[in-house]
């Protein structure tokens, strides 16, 4: 598929700002806000957060659209057949 992979050296998280930003957002919006009392909660809340993040929460980097709206705009065929409502 022409995808290039690269491994980051251990102890160098600043080399991948995209992932670190995602981790910081998840930590602030999910893990510091909720207390997981059992395994079911550990499965449920991250999925709930992912749905909120992708379908309801506007993102400044994509002109205050949700990722779902942006995907529908850029890839309408994919969004129509593959993205859940």
PDB file of N, CA and C in Angstrom:
ATOM      1  N   UNK A   1       0.812  -1.193   0.000  1.00  0.00           N
ATOM      2  CA  UNK A   1       0.000   0.000   0.000  1.00  0.00           C
ATOM      3  C   UNK A   1       0.858   1.259   0.000  1.00  0.00           C
ATOM      4  N   UNK A   2       2.154   1.132   0.050  1.00  0.00           N
ATOM      5  CA  UNK A   2       3.026   2.295   0.011  1.00  0.00           C
ATOM      6  C   UNK A   2       3.112   3.053   1.318  1.00  0.00           C
ATOM      7  N   UNK A   3       2.823   2.392   2.419  1.00  0.00           N
ATOM      8  CA  UNK A   3       2.872   3.047   3.722  1.00  0.00           C
ATOM      9  C   UNK A   3       4.254   2.841   4.329  1.00  0.00           C
ATOM     10  N   UNK A   4       4.863   3.924   4.767  1.00  0.00           N
ATOM     11  CA  UNK A   4       6.174   3.837   5.418  1.00  0.00           C
ATOM     12  C   UNK A   4       5.973   3.835   6.929  1.00  0.00           C
ATOM     13  N   UNK A   5       6.676   2.960   7.609  1.00  0.00           N
ATOM     14  CA  UNK A   5       6.602   2.869   9.063  1.00  0.00           C
ATOM     15  C   UNK A   5       7.927   3.293   9.662  1.00  0.00           C
ATOM     16  N   UNK A   6       7.846   3.912  10.820  1.00  0.00           N
ATOM     17  CA  UNK A   6       9.061   4.290  11.535  1.00  0.00           C
ATOM     18  C   UNK A   6       8.803   4.102  13.023  1.00  0.00           C
ATOM     19  N   UNK A   7       9.759   3.572  13.709  1.00  0.00           N
ATOM     20  CA  UNK A   7       9.649   3.412  15.153  1.00  0.00           C
ATOM     21  C   UNK A   7      10.346   4.580  15.830  1.00  0.00           C
ATOM     22  N   UNK A   8       9.724   5.068  16.878  1.00  0.00           N
ATOM     23  CA  UNK A   8      10.339   6.141  17.653  1.00  0.00           C
ATOM     24  C   UNK A   8      11.254   5.531  18.695  1.00  0.00           C
ATOM     25  N   UNK A   9      12.397   6.154  18.935  1.00  0.00           N
ATOM     26  CA  UNK A   9      13.265   5.651  19.994  1.00  0.00           C
ATOM     27  C   UNK A   9      12.568   5.753  21.350  1.00  0.00           C
ATOM     28  N   UNK A  10      12.797   4.807  22.215  1.00  0.00           N
ATOM     29  CA  UNK A  10      12.224   4.855  23.561  1.00  0.00           C
ATOM     30  C   UNK A  10      12.704   6.113  24.275  1.00  0.00           C
ATOM     31  N   UNK A  11      11.801   6.704  25.026  1.00  0.00           N
ATOM     32  CA  UNK A  11      12.152   7.886  25.787  1.00  0.00           C
ATOM     33  C   UNK A  11      12.179   9.167  24.974  1.00  0.00           C
ATOM     34  N   UNK A  12      11.608   9.169  23.763  1.00  0.00           N
ATOM     35  CA  UNK A  12      11.603  10.364  22.911  1.00  0.00           C
ATOM     36  C   UNK A  12      10.179  10.663  22.417  1.00  0.00           C
ATOM     37  N   UNK A  13       9.220  10.851  23.326  1.00  0.00           N
ATOM     38  CA  UNK A  13       7.840  11.061  22.894  1.00  0.00           C
ATOM     39  C   UNK A  13       7.632  12.360  22.134  1.00  0.00           C
ATOM     40  N   UNK A  14       8.480  13.342  22.312  1.00  0.00           N
ATOM     41  CA  UNK A  14       8.315  14.626  21.621  1.00  0.00           C
ATOM     42  C   UNK A  14       8.522  14.511  20.123  1.00  0.00           C
ATOM     43  N   UNK A  15       9.010  13.389  19.655  1.00  0.00           N
ATOM     44  CA  UNK A  15       9.198  13.197  18.216  1.00  0.00           C
ATOM     45  C   UNK A  15       7.894  12.892  17.492  1.00  0.00           C
ATOM     46  N   UNK A  16       6.842  12.599  18.223  1.00  0.00           N
ATOM     47  CA  UNK A  16       5.554  12.340  17.602  1.00  0.00           C
ATOM     48  C   UNK A  16       4.494  13.199  18.289  1.00  0.00           C
ATOM     49  N   UNK A  17       4.451  14.457  17.919  1.00  0.00           N
ATOM     50  CA  UNK A  17       3.541  15.409  18.541  1.00  0.00           C
ATOM     51  C   UNK A  17       2.082  15.081  18.345  1.00  0.00           C
ATOM     52  N   UNK A  18       1.728  14.472  17.212  1.00  0.00           N
ATOM     53  CA  UNK A  18       0.333  14.131  16.939  1.00  0.00           C
ATOM     54  C   UNK A  18      -0.200  13.157  17.998  1.00  0.00           C
ATOM     55  N   UNK A  19       0.539  12.110  18.263  1.00  0.00           N
ATOM     56  CA  UNK A  19       0.109  11.115  19.244  1.00  0.00           C
ATOM     57  C   UNK A  19       0.123  11.705  20.654  1.00  0.00           C
ATOM     58  N   UNK A  20       1.147  12.477  20.957  1.00  0.00           N
ATOM     59  CA  UNK A  20       1.224  13.077  22.294  1.00  0.00           C
ATOM     60  C   UNK A  20       0.063  14.037  22.526  1.00  0.00           C
ATOM     61  N   UNK A  21      -0.331  14.782  21.513  1.00  0.00           N
ATOM     62  CA  UNK A  21      -1.475  15.693  21.639  1.00  0.00           C
ATOM     63  C   UNK A  21      -2.742  14.891  21.864  1.00  0.00           C
ATOM     64  N   UNK A  22      -2.902  13.797  21.137  1.00  0.00           N
ATOM     65  CA  UNK A  22      -4.062  12.932  21.315  1.00  0.00           C
ATOM     66  C   UNK A  22      -4.088  12.358  22.728  1.00  0.00           C
ATOM     67  N   UNK A  23      -2.955  11.907  23.214  1.00  0.00           N
ATOM     68  CA  UNK A  23      -2.882  11.367  24.569  1.00  0.00           C
ATOM     69  C   UNK A  23      -3.254  12.418  25.605  1.00  0.00           C
ATOM     70  N   UNK A  24      -2.796  13.654  25.410  1.00  0.00           N
ATOM     71  CA  UNK A  24      -3.095  14.732  26.359  1.00  0.00           C
ATOM     72  C   UNK A  24      -4.588  15.055  26.347  1.00  0.00           C
ATOM     73  N   UNK A  25      -5.192  15.095  25.157  1.00  0.00           N
ATOM     74  CA  UNK A  25      -6.625  15.365  25.049  1.00  0.00           C
ATOM     75  C   UNK A  25      -7.429  14.262  25.723  1.00  0.00           C
ATOM     76  N   UNK A  26      -7.082  13.016  25.446  1.00  0.00           N
ATOM     77  CA  UNK A  26      -7.788  11.883  26.066  1.00  0.00           C
ATOM     78  C   UNK A  26      -7.660  11.919  27.584  1.00  0.00           C
ATOM     79  N   UNK A  27      -6.480  12.221  28.055  1.00  0.00           N
ATOM     80  CA  UNK A  27      -6.244  12.263  29.498  1.00  0.00           C
ATOM     81  C   UNK A  27      -7.103  13.343  30.155  1.00  0.00           C
ATOM     82  N   UNK A  28      -7.100  14.538  29.582  1.00  0.00           N
ATOM     83  CA  UNK A  28      -7.836  15.654  30.177  1.00  0.00           C
ATOM     84  C   UNK A  28      -9.350  15.474  30.076  1.00  0.00           C
ATOM     85  N   UNK A  29      -9.826  14.973  28.959  1.00  0.00           N
ATOM     86  CA  UNK A  29     -11.267  14.903  28.741  1.00  0.00           C
ATOM     87  C   UNK A  29     -11.901  13.597  29.210  1.00  0.00           C
ATOM     88  N   UNK A  30     -11.122  12.569  29.374  1.00  0.00           N
ATOM     89  CA  UNK A  30     -11.702  11.274  29.744  1.00  0.00           C
ATOM     90  C   UNK A  30     -11.137  10.744  31.055  1.00  0.00           C
ATOM     91  N   UNK A  31      -9.855  10.503  31.078  1.00  0.00           N
ATOM     92  CA  UNK A  31      -9.275   9.773  32.204  1.00  0.00           C
ATOM     93  C   UNK A  31      -9.223  10.575  33.495  1.00  0.00           C
ATOM     94  N   UNK A  32      -9.135  11.897  33.421  1.00  0.00           N
ATOM     95  CA  UNK A  32      -9.157  12.698  34.641  1.00  0.00           C
ATOM     96  C   UNK A  32     -10.576  13.041  35.077  1.00  0.00           C
ATOM     97  N   UNK A  33     -11.550  12.813  34.216  1.00  0.00           N
ATOM     98  CA  UNK A  33     -12.940  13.147  34.511  1.00  0.00           C
ATOM     99  C   UNK A  33     -13.737  11.955  35.053  1.00  0.00           C
ATOM    100  N   UNK A  34     -13.280  10.771  34.793  1.00  0.00           N
ATOM    101  CA  UNK A  34     -14.041   9.572  35.149  1.00  0.00           C
ATOM    102  C   UNK A  34     -13.238   8.644  36.048  1.00  0.00           C
ATOM    103  N   UNK A  35     -13.954   7.921  36.827  1.00  0.00           N
ATOM    104  CA  UNK A  35     -13.346   6.886  37.644  1.00  0.00           C
ATOM    105  C   UNK A  35     -13.931   5.557  37.177  1.00  0.00           C
ATOM    106  N   UNK A  36     -13.073   4.674  36.737  1.00  0.00           N
ATOM    107  CA  UNK A  36     -13.522   3.385  36.227  1.00  0.00           C
ATOM    108  C   UNK A  36     -13.632   2.406  37.386  1.00  0.00           C
ATOM    109  N   UNK A  37     -14.852   1.992  37.664  1.00  0.00           N
ATOM    110  CA  UNK A  37     -15.082   1.129  38.815  1.00  0.00           C
ATOM    111  C   UNK A  37     -14.995  -0.354  38.482  1.00  0.00           C
ATOM    112  N   UNK A  38     -15.128  -0.687  37.203  1.00  0.00           N
ATOM    113  CA  UNK A  38     -15.049  -2.095  36.811  1.00  0.00           C
ATOM    114  C   UNK A  38     -14.627  -2.189  35.343  1.00  0.00           C
ATOM    115  N   UNK A  39     -14.446  -3.418  34.883  1.00  0.00           N
ATOM    116  CA  UNK A  39     -13.998  -3.625  33.501  1.00  0.00           C
ATOM    117  C   UNK A  39     -15.021  -3.157  32.470  1.00  0.00           C
ATOM    118  N   UNK A  40     -16.277  -3.269  32.796  1.00  0.00           N
ATOM    119  CA  UNK A  40     -17.303  -2.813  31.856  1.00  0.00           C
ATOM    120  C   UNK A  40     -17.201  -1.300  31.645  1.00  0.00           C
ATOM    121  N   UNK A  41     -16.969  -0.561  32.690  1.00  0.00           N
ATOM    122  CA  UNK A  41     -16.786   0.891  32.572  1.00  0.00           C
ATOM    123  C   UNK A  41     -15.535   1.217  31.760  1.00  0.00           C
ATOM    124  N   UNK A  42     -14.485   0.426  31.919  1.00  0.00           N
ATOM    125  CA  UNK A  42     -13.258   0.638  31.144  1.00  0.00           C
ATOM    126  C   UNK A  42     -13.475   0.406  29.648  1.00  0.00           C
ATOM    127  N   UNK A  43     -14.426  -0.430  29.313  1.00  0.00           N
ATOM    128  CA  UNK A  43     -14.760  -0.647  27.905  1.00  0.00           C
ATOM    129  C   UNK A  43     -15.750   0.405  27.398  1.00  0.00           C
ATOM    130  N   UNK A  44     -16.705   0.775  28.226  1.00  0.00           N
ATOM    131  CA  UNK A  44     -17.788   1.654  27.815  1.00  0.00           C
ATOM    132  C   UNK A  44     -17.341   3.107  27.629  1.00  0.00           C
ATOM    133  N   UNK A  45     -16.709   3.692  28.624  1.00  0.00           N
ATOM    134  CA  UNK A  45     -16.413   5.121  28.577  1.00  0.00           C
ATOM    135  C   UNK A  45     -15.441   5.529  27.468  1.00  0.00           C
ATOM    136  N   UNK A  46     -14.396   4.770  27.189  1.00  0.00           N
ATOM    137  CA  UNK A  46     -13.563   5.163  26.036  1.00  0.00           C
ATOM    138  C   UNK A  46     -14.327   5.132  24.707  1.00  0.00           C
ATOM    139  N   UNK A  47     -15.230   4.195  24.531  1.00  0.00           N
ATOM    140  CA  UNK A  47     -16.042   4.160  23.303  1.00  0.00           C
ATOM    141  C   UNK A  47     -16.995   5.350  23.259  1.00  0.00           C
ATOM    142  N   UNK A  48     -17.581   5.676  24.399  1.00  0.00           N
ATOM    143  CA  UNK A  48     -18.459   6.838  24.471  1.00  0.00           C
ATOM    144  C   UNK A  48     -17.679   8.116  24.137  1.00  0.00           C
ATOM    145  N   UNK A  49     -16.471   8.246  24.692  1.00  0.00           N
ATOM    146  CA  UNK A  49     -15.631   9.405  24.427  1.00  0.00           C
ATOM    147  C   UNK A  49     -15.244   9.465  22.942  1.00  0.00           C
ATOM    148  N   UNK A  50     -14.910   8.344  22.342  1.00  0.00           N
ATOM    149  CA  UNK A  50     -14.544   8.310  20.927  1.00  0.00           C
ATOM    150  C   UNK A  50     -15.709   8.785  20.050  1.00  0.00           C
ATOM    151  N   UNK A  51     -16.912   8.347  20.377  1.00  0.00           N
ATOM    152  CA  UNK A  51     -18.091   8.782  19.620  1.00  0.00           C
ATOM    153  C   UNK A  51     -18.306  10.276  19.778  1.00  0.00           C
ATOM    154  N   UNK A  52     -18.221  10.760  21.001  1.00  0.00           N
ATOM    155  CA  UNK A  52     -18.375  12.200  21.238  1.00  0.00           C
ATOM    156  C   UNK A  52     -17.301  12.987  20.484  1.00  0.00           C
ATOM    157  N   UNK A  53     -16.072  12.536  20.558  1.00  0.00           N
ATOM    158  CA  UNK A  53     -14.937  13.224  19.933  1.00  0.00           C
ATOM    159  C   UNK A  53     -15.089  13.294  18.418  1.00  0.00           C
ATOM    160  N   UNK A  54     -15.537  12.221  17.807  1.00  0.00           N
ATOM    161  CA  UNK A  54     -15.618  12.153  16.344  1.00  0.00           C
ATOM    162  C   UNK A  54     -16.928  12.656  15.747  1.00  0.00           C
ATOM    163  N   UNK A  55     -18.017  12.645  16.530  1.00  0.00           N
ATOM    164  CA  UNK A  55     -19.322  12.967  15.966  1.00  0.00           C
ATOM    165  C   UNK A  55     -19.939  14.249  16.523  1.00  0.00           C
ATOM    166  N   UNK A  56     -19.524  14.694  17.700  1.00  0.00           N
ATOM    167  CA  UNK A  56     -20.194  15.824  18.343  1.00  0.00           C
ATOM    168  C   UNK A  56     -19.289  17.008  18.629  1.00  0.00           C
ATOM    169  N   UNK A  57     -18.028  16.770  18.844  1.00  0.00           N
ATOM    170  CA  UNK A  57     -17.107  17.809  19.309  1.00  0.00           C
ATOM    171  C   UNK A  57     -16.425  18.518  18.138  1.00  0.00           C
ATOM    172  N   UNK A  58     -16.660  19.839  17.981  1.00  0.00           N
ATOM    173  CA  UNK A  58     -15.973  20.560  16.904  1.00  0.00           C
ATOM    174  C   UNK A  58     -14.480  20.692  17.184  1.00  0.00           C
ATOM    175  N   UNK A  59     -13.684  20.709  16.129  1.00  0.00           N
ATOM    176  CA  UNK A  59     -12.230  20.791  16.245  1.00  0.00           C
ATOM    177  C   UNK A  59     -11.748  22.063  15.544  1.00  0.00           C
ATOM    178  N   UNK A  60     -10.931  22.834  16.223  1.00  0.00           N
ATOM    179  CA  UNK A  60     -10.425  24.082  15.650  1.00  0.00           C
ATOM    180  C   UNK A  60      -9.594  23.835  14.393  1.00  0.00           C
ATOM    181  N   UNK A  61      -8.840  22.765  14.368  1.00  0.00           N
ATOM    182  CA  UNK A  61      -7.952  22.487  13.248  1.00  0.00           C
ATOM    183  C   UNK A  61      -8.666  22.193  11.938  1.00  0.00           C
ATOM    184  N   UNK A  62      -9.954  21.891  12.007  1.00  0.00           N
ATOM    185  CA  UNK A  62     -10.724  21.632  10.788  1.00  0.00           C
ATOM    186  C   UNK A  62     -11.928  22.579  10.732  1.00  0.00           C
ATOM    187  N   UNK A  63     -11.658  23.850  11.018  1.00  0.00           N
ATOM    188  CA  UNK A  63     -12.662  24.925  10.909  1.00  0.00           C
ATOM    189  C   UNK A  63     -13.912  24.677  11.749  1.00  0.00           C
ATOM    190  N   UNK A  64     -13.706  24.246  12.975  1.00  0.00           N
ATOM    191  CA  UNK A  64     -14.791  23.999  13.930  1.00  0.00           C
ATOM    192  C   UNK A  64     -15.854  23.034  13.408  1.00  0.00           C
ATOM    193  N   UNK A  65     -15.404  22.048  12.651  1.00  0.00           N
ATOM    194  CA  UNK A  65     -16.274  20.950  12.216  1.00  0.00           C
ATOM    195  C   UNK A  65     -15.941  19.734  13.073  1.00  0.00           C
ATOM    196  N   UNK A  66     -16.849  18.776  13.086  1.00  0.00           N
ATOM    197  CA  UNK A  66     -16.524  17.500  13.708  1.00  0.00           C
ATOM    198  C   UNK A  66     -15.749  16.679  12.683  1.00  0.00           C
ATOM    199  N   UNK A  67     -14.969  15.700  13.122  1.00  0.00           N
ATOM    200  CA  UNK A  67     -14.295  14.838  12.156  1.00  0.00           C
ATOM    201  C   UNK A  67     -15.277  14.148  11.202  1.00  0.00           C
ATOM    202  N   UNK A  68     -16.447  13.801  11.691  1.00  0.00           N
ATOM    203  CA  UNK A  68     -17.437  13.173  10.815  1.00  0.00           C
ATOM    204  C   UNK A  68     -17.875  14.134   9.715  1.00  0.00           C
ATOM    205  N   UNK A  69     -18.121  15.404  10.065  1.00  0.00           N
ATOM    206  CA  UNK A  69     -18.506  16.389   9.057  1.00  0.00           C
ATOM    207  C   UNK A  69     -17.393  16.586   8.033  1.00  0.00           C
ATOM    208  N   UNK A  70     -16.167  16.650   8.510  1.00  0.00           N
ATOM    209  CA  UNK A  70     -15.029  16.851   7.619  1.00  0.00           C
ATOM    210  C   UNK A  70     -14.854  15.662   6.665  1.00  0.00           C
ATOM    211  N   UNK A  71     -15.011  14.469   7.205  1.00  0.00           N
ATOM    212  CA  UNK A  71     -14.900  13.271   6.373  1.00  0.00           C
ATOM    213  C   UNK A  71     -15.986  13.272   5.297  1.00  0.00           C
ATOM    214  N   UNK A  72     -17.204  13.629   5.670  1.00  0.00           N
ATOM    215  CA  UNK A  72     -18.295  13.671   4.698  1.00  0.00           C
ATOM    216  C   UNK A  72     -18.020  14.703   3.611  1.00  0.00           C
ATOM    217  N   UNK A  73     -17.348  15.774   3.978  1.00  0.00           N
ATOM    218  CA  UNK A  73     -17.027  16.826   3.020  1.00  0.00           C
ATOM    219  C   UNK A  73     -15.917  16.393   2.063  1.00  0.00           C
ATOM    220  N   UNK A  74     -14.886  15.768   2.593  1.00  0.00           N
ATOM    221  CA  UNK A  74     -13.707  15.410   1.803  1.00  0.00           C
ATOM    222  C   UNK A  74     -13.880  14.061   1.101  1.00  0.00           C
ATOM    223  N   UNK A  75     -14.529  13.109   1.761  1.00  0.00           N
ATOM    224  CA  UNK A  75     -14.700  11.745   1.230  1.00  0.00           C
ATOM    225  C   UNK A  75     -16.175  11.342   1.308  1.00  0.00           C
ATOM    226  N   UNK A  76     -17.055  11.934   0.509  1.00  0.00           N
ATOM    227  CA  UNK A  76     -18.481  11.672   0.651  1.00  0.00           C
ATOM    228  C   UNK A  76     -18.900  10.222   0.428  1.00  0.00           C
ATOM    229  N   UNK A  77     -18.254   9.522  -0.469  1.00  0.00           N
ATOM    230  CA  UNK A  77     -18.628   8.124  -0.724  1.00  0.00           C
ATOM    231  C   UNK A  77     -18.294   7.270   0.488  1.00  0.00           C
ATOM    232  N   UNK A  78     -17.090   7.443   1.045  1.00  0.00           N
ATOM    233  CA  UNK A  78     -16.696   6.693   2.235  1.00  0.00           C
ATOM    234  C   UNK A  78     -17.634   7.008   3.398  1.00  0.00           C
ATOM    235  N   UNK A  79     -17.916   8.291   3.604  1.00  0.00           N
ATOM    236  CA  UNK A  79     -18.760   8.695   4.724  1.00  0.00           C
ATOM    237  C   UNK A  79     -20.158   8.114   4.594  1.00  0.00           C
ATOM    238  N   UNK A  80     -20.688   8.060   3.381  1.00  0.00           N
ATOM    239  CA  UNK A  80     -22.031   7.557   3.173  1.00  0.00           C
ATOM    240  C   UNK A  80     -22.155   6.066   3.447  1.00  0.00           C
ATOM    241  N   UNK A  81     -21.128   5.315   3.125  1.00  0.00           N
ATOM    242  CA  UNK A  81     -21.244   3.867   3.260  1.00  0.00           C
ATOM    243  C   UNK A  81     -20.568   3.300   4.511  1.00  0.00           C
ATOM    244  N   UNK A  82     -19.628   4.014   5.070  1.00  0.00           N
ATOM    245  CA  UNK A  82     -18.797   3.394   6.117  1.00  0.00           C
ATOM    246  C   UNK A  82     -18.853   4.072   7.481  1.00  0.00           C
ATOM    247  N   UNK A  83     -19.376   5.259   7.577  1.00  0.00           N
ATOM    248  CA  UNK A  83     -19.391   5.952   8.870  1.00  0.00           C
ATOM    249  C   UNK A  83     -20.748   5.794   9.521  1.00  0.00           C
ATOM    250  N   UNK A  84     -20.774   5.279  10.737  1.00  0.00           N
ATOM    251  CA  UNK A  84     -22.052   5.134  11.440  1.00  0.00           C
ATOM    252  C   UNK A  84     -22.651   6.501  11.765  1.00  0.00           C
ATOM    253  N   UNK A  85     -23.943   6.528  11.896  1.00  0.00           N
ATOM    254  CA  UNK A  85     -24.649   7.785  12.208  1.00  0.00           C
ATOM    255  C   UNK A  85     -24.392   8.232  13.621  1.00  0.00           C
TER     256      UNK A  85
END
